[in-house]
Amino acid sequence: MPSLKEDRGLDIVLDVKVKVTVQLGSCQLPMREVLELAPGSVVQLNQHASDPVGLYVNDKLVAYGEVVVVEDSFGIKITELVGSQASAS
């Protein structure tokens, strides 16, 4: 099977921008608590600090990873592709 770069028919879409999102966690709050949020408020998420985060492309989960700091920015180190048995070391 040819790779993406070898398949000339895909050249037209390789530069299309997609939305990439990392989901750290989520929670459900009553609207009353949402309206009470202010600077300094802490919202507890349903994910533990050691759990992998989800990497979404156009709202579709494609990978899991670990949050890393690169200079002064956050990044994600991919540890597992969804549907893949191979994990990064």
Protein backbone atom coordinates (compact mmCIF):
# COMPACT_ATOMS: atom_id res chain seq x y z
CA MET A 1 0.00 0.00 0.00
CA PRO A 2 1.49 3.40 -0.95
CA SER A 3 2.22 5.96 1.76
CA LEU A 4 0.37 9.30 1.84
CA LYS A 5 3.28 11.10 0.21
CA GLU A 6 3.59 8.46 -2.52
CA ASP A 7 -0.10 8.69 -3.48
CA ARG A 8 -0.18 11.76 -5.76
CA GLY A 9 -4.00 11.87 -5.57
CA LEU A 10 -3.76 13.01 -1.94
CA ASP A 11 -1.41 15.93 -2.64
CA ILE A 12 -4.37 18.27 -2.94
CA VAL A 13 -5.48 17.67 0.68
CA LEU A 14 -2.14 17.40 2.45
CA ASP A 15 -2.01 21.18 3.09
CA VAL A 16 -5.62 21.46 4.29
CA LYS A 17 -5.65 22.79 7.85
CA VAL A 18 -7.49 20.73 10.46
CA LYS A 19 -8.39 21.58 14.04
CA VAL A 20 -6.15 19.72 16.52
CA THR A 21 -7.36 19.70 20.14
CA VAL A 22 -5.94 18.16 23.31
CA GLN A 23 -8.52 17.29 25.95
CA LEU A 24 -7.11 17.40 29.44
CA GLY A 25 -10.36 16.32 31.09
CA SER A 26 -13.94 17.34 31.60
CA CYS A 27 -16.65 17.56 34.22
CA GLN A 28 -20.31 18.36 34.58
CA LEU A 29 -21.41 21.31 36.69
CA PRO A 30 -24.84 22.68 37.47
CA MET A 31 -25.43 26.02 35.74
CA ARG A 32 -25.54 27.64 39.21
CA GLU A 33 -21.88 26.69 39.78
CA VAL A 34 -20.87 27.83 36.27
CA LEU A 35 -22.38 31.25 36.96
CA GLU A 36 -20.42 31.43 40.23
CA LEU A 37 -17.04 30.91 38.51
CA ALA A 38 -14.61 33.77 38.99
CA PRO A 39 -10.86 34.36 38.65
CA GLY A 40 -9.16 32.00 41.09
CA SER A 41 -11.95 29.40 40.97
CA VAL A 42 -10.77 25.79 40.64
CA VAL A 43 -12.73 23.35 38.50
CA GLN A 44 -11.95 19.72 39.29
CA LEU A 45 -11.80 17.51 36.20
CA ASN A 46 -12.71 13.84 36.02
CA GLN A 47 -9.18 12.86 34.97
CA HIS A 48 -6.20 12.03 37.16
CA ALA A 49 -2.94 13.91 36.63
CA SER A 50 -1.20 10.67 35.56
CA ASP A 51 -3.85 9.72 32.96
CA PRO A 52 -3.04 10.20 29.27
CA VAL A 53 -4.72 13.10 27.49
CA GLY A 54 -6.70 12.71 24.27
CA LEU A 55 -5.56 14.19 20.95
CA TYR A 56 -8.46 15.00 18.63
CA VAL A 57 -8.34 15.95 14.96
CA ASN A 58 -11.57 17.65 13.87
CA ASP A 59 -13.28 16.27 17.00
CA LYS A 60 -12.21 12.67 16.28
CA LEU A 61 -9.95 10.94 18.83
CA VAL A 62 -6.77 9.85 17.05
CA ALA A 63 -4.15 9.44 19.80
CA TYR A 64 -3.28 9.58 23.49
CA GLY A 65 -0.28 11.28 24.99
CA GLU A 66 1.46 12.96 27.89
CA VAL A 67 1.52 16.70 28.49
CA VAL A 68 5.03 18.14 28.15
CA VAL A 69 6.50 21.62 28.46
CA VAL A 70 8.48 22.92 25.48
CA GLU A 71 10.22 26.17 26.40
CA ASP A 72 7.29 28.30 27.65
CA SER A 73 4.52 26.34 25.91
CA PHE A 74 2.62 23.13 26.49
CA GLY A 75 2.87 20.24 24.07
CA ILE A 76 1.87 16.59 23.88
CA LYS A 77 4.12 13.56 23.51
CA ILE A 78 2.17 10.90 21.60
CA THR A 79 2.19 7.58 23.47
CA GLU A 80 -0.48 5.64 21.58
CA LEU A 81 -2.35 5.95 18.30
CA VAL A 82 -6.01 4.98 18.51
CA GLY A 83 -6.56 1.62 16.87
CA SER A 84 -2.84 0.86 16.94
CA GLN A 85 -1.17 -1.75 19.10
CA ALA A 86 2.22 -0.03 18.73
CA SER A 87 3.00 2.59 21.40
CA ALA A 88 5.78 5.17 21.34
CA SER A 89 8.58 4.75 23.87
